[in-house]
C-alpha atoms as a PDB file:
ATOM      1  CA  MET A   1     -47.498  71.827 -44.832  1.00  0.00           C
ATOM      2  CA  PHE A   2     -44.034  70.559 -43.833  1.00  0.00           C
ATOM      3  CA  ALA A   3     -42.072  68.078 -45.884  1.00  0.00           C
ATOM      4  CA  PHE A   4     -40.198  65.575 -43.768  1.00  0.00           C
ATOM      5  CA  SER A   5     -36.622  65.027 -44.756  1.00  0.00           C
ATOM      6  CA  GLN A   6     -34.406  62.040 -44.183  1.00  0.00           C
ATOM      7  CA  ASP A   7     -31.714  64.379 -42.878  1.00  0.00           C
ATOM      8  CA  PRO A   8     -31.972  64.343 -39.038  1.00  0.00           C
ATOM      9  CA  ARG A   9     -30.858  67.986 -38.857  1.00  0.00           C
ATOM     10  CA  ALA A  10     -33.749  68.991 -41.089  1.00  0.00           C
ATOM     11  CA  ARG A  11     -36.197  66.937 -38.998  1.00  0.00           C
ATOM     12  CA  ASN A  12     -34.895  68.632 -35.849  1.00  0.00           C
ATOM     13  CA  SER A  13     -35.300  72.032 -37.490  1.00  0.00           C
ATOM     14  CA  GLU A  14     -38.884  71.194 -38.537  1.00  0.00           C
ATOM     15  CA  ALA A  15     -39.638  69.992 -35.022  1.00  0.00           C
ATOM     16  CA  ALA A  16     -38.248  73.244 -33.618  1.00  0.00           C
ATOM     17  CA  VAL A  17     -40.488  75.270 -35.940  1.00  0.00           C
ATOM     18  CA  ASP A  18     -43.529  73.199 -34.900  1.00  0.00           C
ATOM     19  CA  ALA A  19     -42.601  73.668 -31.227  1.00  0.00           C
ATOM     20  CA  SER A  20     -42.192  77.404 -31.774  1.00  0.00           C
ATOM     21  CA  ARG A  21     -45.610  77.592 -33.421  1.00  0.00           C
ATOM     22  CA  ARG A  22     -47.193  75.709 -30.509  1.00  0.00           C
ATOM     23  CA  SER A  23     -45.406  77.984 -28.054  1.00  0.00           C
ATOM     24  CA  PHE A  24     -46.755  81.045 -29.846  1.00  0.00           C
ATOM     25  CA  PHE A  25     -50.312  79.736 -29.785  1.00  0.00           C
ATOM     26  CA  ASN A  26     -50.006  78.735 -26.130  1.00  0.00           C
ATOM     27  CA  HIS A  27     -48.809  82.242 -25.242  1.00  0.00           C
ATOM     28  CA  SER A  28     -51.274  84.073 -27.463  1.00  0.00           C
ATOM     29  CA  GLY A  29     -52.979  85.456 -24.375  1.00  0.00           C
ATOM     30  CA  LEU A  30     -49.834  87.511 -23.878  1.00  0.00           C
ATOM     31  CA  LEU A  31     -50.288  89.157 -27.247  1.00  0.00           C
ATOM     32  CA  LEU A  32     -52.255  92.093 -25.936  1.00  0.00           C
ATOM     33  CA  SER A  33     -50.277  94.643 -27.793  1.00  0.00           C
ATOM     34  CA  GLY A  34     -49.700  98.328 -27.675  1.00  0.00           C
ATOM     35  CA  ALA A  35     -50.031  99.591 -31.219  1.00  0.00           C
ATOM     36  CA  ALA A  36     -48.282 100.809 -34.289  1.00  0.00           C
ATOM     37  CA  ILE A  37     -46.801 104.260 -34.855  1.00  0.00           C
ATOM     38  CA  ALA A  38     -46.088 102.879 -38.307  1.00  0.00           C
ATOM     39  CA  LEU A  39     -45.757  99.341 -39.507  1.00  0.00           C
ATOM     40  CA  LEU A  40     -42.397 100.321 -40.953  1.00  0.00           C
ATOM     41  CA  ALA A  41     -40.768  98.216 -43.648  1.00  0.00           C
ATOM     42  CA  GLY A  42     -43.011  95.200 -43.185  1.00  0.00           C
ATOM     43  CA  ARG A  43     -46.242  97.065 -43.873  1.00  0.00           C
ATOM     44  CA  GLU A  44     -46.185  96.416 -47.609  1.00  0.00           C
ATOM     45  CA  ALA A  45     -45.532  92.703 -47.111  1.00  0.00           C
ATOM     46  CA  LEU A  46     -48.563  92.393 -44.855  1.00  0.00           C
ATOM     47  CA  ALA A  47     -50.762  94.369 -47.212  1.00  0.00           C
ATOM     48  CA  LYS A  48     -49.736  92.355 -50.290  1.00  0.00           C
ATOM     49  CA  GLY A  49     -49.826  89.048 -48.479  1.00  0.00           C
ATOM     50  CA  ASN A  50     -47.603  87.117 -50.876  1.00  0.00           C
ATOM     51  CA  ALA A  51     -47.898  83.323 -50.925  1.00  0.00           C
ATOM     52  CA  SER A  52     -48.373  81.906 -47.472  1.00  0.00           C
ATOM     53  CA  SER A  53     -49.454  78.745 -45.734  1.00  0.00           C
ATOM     54  CA  ALA A  54     -52.493  78.044 -43.608  1.00  0.00           C
ATOM     55  CA  ALA A  55     -50.156  78.118 -40.609  1.00  0.00           C
ATOM     56  CA  ASP A  56     -49.221  81.721 -41.381  1.00  0.00           C
ATOM     57  CA  VAL A  57     -52.919  82.635 -41.563  1.00  0.00           C
ATOM     58  CA  SER A  58     -53.437  80.958 -38.183  1.00  0.00           C
ATOM     59  CA  ILE A  59     -50.579  82.942 -36.661  1.00  0.00           C
ATOM     60  CA  LEU A  60     -51.976  86.161 -38.116  1.00  0.00           C
ATOM     61  CA  ASN A  61     -55.434  85.334 -36.776  1.00  0.00           C
ATOM     62  CA  THR A  62     -54.004  84.704 -33.321  1.00  0.00           C
ATOM     63  CA  ALA A  63     -52.315  88.102 -33.482  1.00  0.00           C
ATOM     64  CA  LEU A  64     -55.538  89.678 -34.746  1.00  0.00           C
ATOM     65  CA  GLY A  65     -57.531  88.242 -31.858  1.00  0.00           C
ATOM     66  CA  ALA A  66     -55.038  89.644 -29.395  1.00  0.00           C
ATOM     67  CA  GLU A  67     -55.042  93.029 -31.111  1.00  0.00           C
ATOM     68  CA  HIS A  68     -58.843  93.140 -30.778  1.00  0.00           C
ATOM     69  CA  GLU A  69     -58.387  92.436 -27.080  1.00  0.00           C
ATOM     70  CA  ALA A  70     -55.811  95.218 -26.795  1.00  0.00           C
ATOM     71  CA  VAL A  71     -58.216  97.725 -28.363  1.00  0.00           C
ATOM     72  CA  ALA A  72     -60.810  96.697 -25.769  1.00  0.00           C
ATOM     73  CA  ALA A  73     -58.297  96.909 -22.903  1.00  0.00           C
ATOM     74  CA  TYR A  74     -57.303 100.456 -23.794  1.00  0.00           C
ATOM     75  CA  GLN A  75     -60.988 101.355 -24.064  1.00  0.00           C
ATOM     76  CA  VAL A  76     -61.540 100.110 -20.522  1.00  0.00           C
ATOM     77  CA  GLY A  77     -58.601 102.217 -19.355  1.00  0.00           C
ATOM     78  CA  ALA A  78     -59.863 105.291 -21.196  1.00  0.00           C
ATOM     79  CA  GLU A  79     -63.385 104.920 -19.780  1.00  0.00           C
ATOM     80  CA  SER A  80     -62.183 104.178 -16.241  1.00  0.00           C
ATOM     81  CA  GLY A  81     -62.009 107.846 -15.312  1.00  0.00           C
ATOM     82  CA  LEU A  82     -58.612 107.140 -13.766  1.00  0.00           C
ATOM     83  CA  LEU A  83     -56.451 108.432 -16.618  1.00  0.00           C
ATOM     84  CA  GLN A  84     -55.741 112.133 -16.707  1.00  0.00           C
ATOM     85  CA  LYS A  85     -54.108 114.070 -19.530  1.00  0.00           C
ATOM     86  CA  PRO A  86     -51.508 113.449 -20.922  1.00  0.00           C
ATOM     87  CA  ALA A  87     -51.761 109.759 -19.897  1.00  0.00           C
ATOM     88  CA  LEU A  88     -55.273 109.550 -21.362  1.00  0.00           C
ATOM     89  CA  ASP A  89     -54.025 110.921 -24.674  1.00  0.00           C
ATOM     90  CA  LEU A  90     -51.206 108.381 -24.650  1.00  0.00           C
ATOM     91  CA  ALA A  91     -53.630 105.498 -24.032  1.00  0.00           C
ATOM     92  CA  LEU A  92     -55.874 106.656 -26.866  1.00  0.00           C
ATOM     93  CA  THR A  93     -52.878 106.977 -29.188  1.00  0.00           C
ATOM     94  CA  PHE A  94     -51.767 103.440 -28.359  1.00  0.00           C
ATOM     95  CA  GLN A  95     -55.348 102.208 -28.856  1.00  0.00           C
ATOM     96  CA  GLY A  96     -55.294 103.853 -32.291  1.00  0.00           C
ATOM     97  CA  HIS A  97     -52.164 101.903 -33.126  1.00  0.00           C
ATOM     98  CA  HIS A  98     -53.913  98.681 -32.136  1.00  0.00           C
ATOM     99  CA  LYS A  99     -56.798  99.595 -34.402  1.00  0.00           C
ATOM    100  CA  ALA A 100     -54.291 100.052 -37.244  1.00  0.00           C
ATOM    101  CA  HIS A 101     -52.857  96.604 -36.467  1.00  0.00           C
ATOM    102  CA  VAL A 102     -56.378  95.130 -36.532  1.00  0.00           C
ATOM    103  CA  GLU A 103     -57.137  96.696 -39.892  1.00  0.00           C
ATOM    104  CA  LEU A 104     -53.922  95.575 -41.535  1.00  0.00           C
ATOM    105  CA  LEU A 105     -53.944  92.058 -40.071  1.00  0.00           C
ATOM    106  CA  ALA A 106     -57.574  91.515 -41.137  1.00  0.00           C
ATOM    107  CA  LYS A 107     -56.838  92.760 -44.650  1.00  0.00           C
ATOM    108  CA  THR A 108     -53.824  90.467 -44.897  1.00  0.00           C
ATOM    109  CA  ILE A 109     -55.754  87.424 -43.691  1.00  0.00           C
ATOM    110  CA  ILE A 110     -58.414  88.081 -46.332  1.00  0.00           C
ATOM    111  CA  THR A 111     -55.721  88.529 -48.996  1.00  0.00           C
ATOM    112  CA  LEU A 112     -54.302  85.142 -48.002  1.00  0.00           C
ATOM    113  CA  GLY A 113     -57.724  83.512 -48.330  1.00  0.00           C
ATOM    114  CA  GLY A 114     -58.505  83.284 -44.624  1.00  0.00           C
ATOM    115  CA  LYS A 115     -61.350  84.560 -42.483  1.00  0.00           C
ATOM    116  CA  PRO A 116     -60.292  87.223 -39.957  1.00  0.00           C
ATOM    117  CA  ALA A 117     -61.009  86.615 -36.283  1.00  0.00           C
ATOM    118  CA  GLU A 118     -63.632  88.949 -34.889  1.00  0.00           C
ATOM    119  CA  ALA A 119     -63.547  90.797 -31.609  1.00  0.00           C
ATOM    120  CA  ARG A 120     -65.326  89.088 -28.745  1.00  0.00           C
ATOM    121  CA  LYS A 121     -68.448  90.699 -27.392  1.00  0.00           C
ATOM    122  CA  GLN A 122     -66.872  90.824 -23.930  1.00  0.00           C
ATOM    123  CA  TYR A 123     -63.403  90.506 -22.408  1.00  0.00           C
ATOM    124  CA  THR A 124     -62.458  89.859 -18.821  1.00  0.00           C
ATOM    125  CA  PHE A 125     -60.020  92.407 -17.441  1.00  0.00           C
ATOM    126  CA  PRO A 126     -58.920  92.858 -13.806  1.00  0.00           C
ATOM    127  CA  THR A 127     -60.938  96.052 -13.417  1.00  0.00           C
ATOM    128  CA  ASP A 128     -61.376  95.507  -9.682  1.00  0.00           C
ATOM    129  CA  THR A 129     -57.614  95.977  -9.226  1.00  0.00           C
ATOM    130  CA  LEU A 130     -57.477  99.237 -11.180  1.00  0.00           C
ATOM    131  CA  LYS A 131     -57.782 101.931  -8.512  1.00  0.00           C
ATOM    132  CA  SER A 132     -55.443 104.650  -9.817  1.00  0.00           C
ATOM    133  CA  GLN A 133     -53.847 106.007 -12.957  1.00  0.00           C
ATOM    134  CA  ALA A 134     -50.666 104.123 -12.066  1.00  0.00           C
ATOM    135  CA  ASP A 135     -52.644 100.850 -11.831  1.00  0.00           C
ATOM    136  CA  VAL A 136     -54.095 101.368 -15.312  1.00  0.00           C
ATOM    137  CA  LEU A 137     -50.700 102.269 -16.798  1.00  0.00           C
ATOM    138  CA  ARG A 138     -49.019  99.324 -15.076  1.00  0.00           C
ATOM    139  CA  PHE A 139     -51.718  96.998 -16.460  1.00  0.00           C
ATOM    140  CA  ALA A 140     -51.132  98.422 -19.952  1.00  0.00           C
ATOM    141  CA  ALA A 141     -47.357  98.027 -19.559  1.00  0.00           C
ATOM    142  CA  THR A 142     -47.823  94.382 -18.587  1.00  0.00           C
ATOM    143  CA  LEU A 143     -49.930  93.828 -21.696  1.00  0.00           C
ATOM    144  CA  GLU A 144     -47.331  95.530 -23.865  1.00  0.00           C
ATOM    145  CA  LYS A 145     -44.553  93.367 -22.457  1.00  0.00           C
ATOM    146  CA  GLY A 146     -46.667  90.299 -23.212  1.00  0.00           C
ATOM    147  CA  ALA A 147     -47.177  91.539 -26.759  1.00  0.00           C
ATOM    148  CA  VAL A 148     -43.434  91.925 -27.237  1.00  0.00           C
ATOM    149  CA  SER A 149     -42.871  88.354 -26.053  1.00  0.00           C
ATOM    150  CA  ALA A 150     -45.660  86.958 -28.209  1.00  0.00           C
ATOM    151  CA  TYR A 151     -44.492  88.684 -31.384  1.00  0.00           C
ATOM    152  CA  LEU A 152     -40.944  87.607 -30.572  1.00  0.00           C
ATOM    153  CA  GLY A 153     -42.234  84.032 -30.532  1.00  0.00           C
ATOM    154  CA  ALA A 154     -44.170  84.510 -33.776  1.00  0.00           C
ATOM    155  CA  VAL A 155     -41.484  86.079 -35.958  1.00  0.00           C
ATOM    156  CA  PRO A 156     -39.349  82.958 -36.445  1.00  0.00           C
ATOM    157  CA  VAL A 157     -42.286  80.630 -37.147  1.00  0.00           C
ATOM    158  CA  PHE A 158     -43.781  82.379 -40.147  1.00  0.00           C
ATOM    159  CA  GLY A 159     -43.291  80.391 -43.340  1.00  0.00           C
ATOM    160  CA  ASN A 160     -43.464  83.599 -45.356  1.00  0.00           C
ATOM    161  CA  ARG A 161     -40.418  85.664 -44.404  1.00  0.00           C
ATOM    162  CA  ASP A 162     -42.079  88.904 -45.550  1.00  0.00           C
ATOM    163  CA  LEU A 163     -44.786  88.297 -42.948  1.00  0.00           C
ATOM    164  CA  ALA A 164     -42.069  87.658 -40.358  1.00  0.00           C
ATOM    165  CA  LYS A 165     -40.497  91.017 -41.209  1.00  0.00           C
ATOM    166  CA  ALA A 166     -43.851  92.756 -40.865  1.00  0.00           C
ATOM    167  CA  ALA A 167     -44.505  91.073 -37.497  1.00  0.00           C
ATOM    168  CA  ALA A 168     -41.064  92.221 -36.368  1.00  0.00           C
ATOM    169  CA  SER A 169     -42.016  95.809 -37.174  1.00  0.00           C
ATOM    170  CA  ILE A 170     -45.110  95.437 -34.968  1.00  0.00           C
ATOM    171  CA  LEU A 171     -42.896  93.894 -32.280  1.00  0.00           C
ATOM    172  CA  GLY A 172     -40.723  97.015 -32.391  1.00  0.00           C
ATOM    173  CA  ASP A 173     -43.772  99.194 -31.914  1.00  0.00           C
ATOM    174  CA  GLU A 174     -44.956  97.123 -28.959  1.00  0.00           C
ATOM    175  CA  ALA A 175     -41.514  97.427 -27.376  1.00  0.00           C
ATOM    176  CA  MET A 176     -41.644 101.211 -27.745  1.00  0.00           C
ATOM    177  CA  HIS A 177     -45.035 101.308 -26.056  1.00  0.00           C
ATOM    178  CA  TRP A 178     -43.799  99.169 -23.193  1.00  0.00           C
ATOM    179  CA  ALA A 179     -40.790 101.481 -22.737  1.00  0.00           C
ATOM    180  CA  VAL A 180     -42.920 104.633 -22.841  1.00  0.00           C
ATOM    181  CA  LEU A 181     -45.376 103.256 -20.280  1.00  0.00           C
ATOM    182  CA  ARG A 182     -42.533 102.211 -17.977  1.00  0.00           C
ATOM    183  CA  ASN A 183     -41.070 105.698 -18.286  1.00  0.00           C
ATOM    184  CA  VAL A 184     -44.402 107.347 -17.450  1.00  0.00           C
ATOM    185  CA  LEU A 185     -44.574 105.124 -14.358  1.00  0.00           C
ATOM    186  CA  GLY A 186     -41.122 106.345 -13.301  1.00  0.00           C
ATOM    187  CA  GLU A 187     -39.514 102.979 -14.030  1.00  0.00           C
ATOM    188  CA  THR A 188     -36.414 102.358 -16.121  1.00  0.00           C
ATOM    189  CA  PRO A 189     -37.801 102.402 -19.673  1.00  0.00           C
ATOM    190  CA  VAL A 190     -35.518  99.654 -20.941  1.00  0.00           C
ATOM    191  CA  PRO A 191     -34.839  97.327 -18.014  1.00  0.00           C
ATOM    192  CA  ALA A 192     -32.548  94.869 -19.817  1.00  0.00           C
ATOM    193  CA  ALA A 193     -30.324  94.511 -22.858  1.00  0.00           C
ATOM    194  CA  PHE A 194     -32.484  91.676 -24.228  1.00  0.00           C
ATOM    195  CA  VAL A 195     -36.202  90.955 -24.407  1.00  0.00           C
ATOM    196  CA  SER A 196     -37.639  87.527 -23.777  1.00  0.00           C
END
């Protein structure tokens, strides 16, 4: 997987990549994303797959698992009866983007020789705290922010740079969803110059 070099700078760089990978996996619960308007320039790289390592497949599977969870979360919001038009339409649109992420990630994992993660039969969401449309939208915005952070952590750790580019395009989509949800809630859509 990683070749160890005698050069201490290279060893430090490899250690940083390993630490970044671990950080991504540890924060994978934050990866509940908010969908893809289009997978932009990286879409072809994901669909083709290119040569990749088992670590890249693991990262993709972690993202896929979180995308499945996001689809389920938006379904809970849509079925809650708390979302009124046009917020309901927005939630369903974002759910559709997550479904597109699921489809493309699963296809890519198969292309790379892996087995795609499947959706769980049941997820645990804080439904008892969702009492209004604003609660549902705020919950979705929190998930979107987590997705942005998780993809931000994943982009630099892909061995295959084409996959990193594709993940960055999904990250951009998640950031747009977060901004739109904040705007609908009456909050500043882009609260800072940088995302972490």
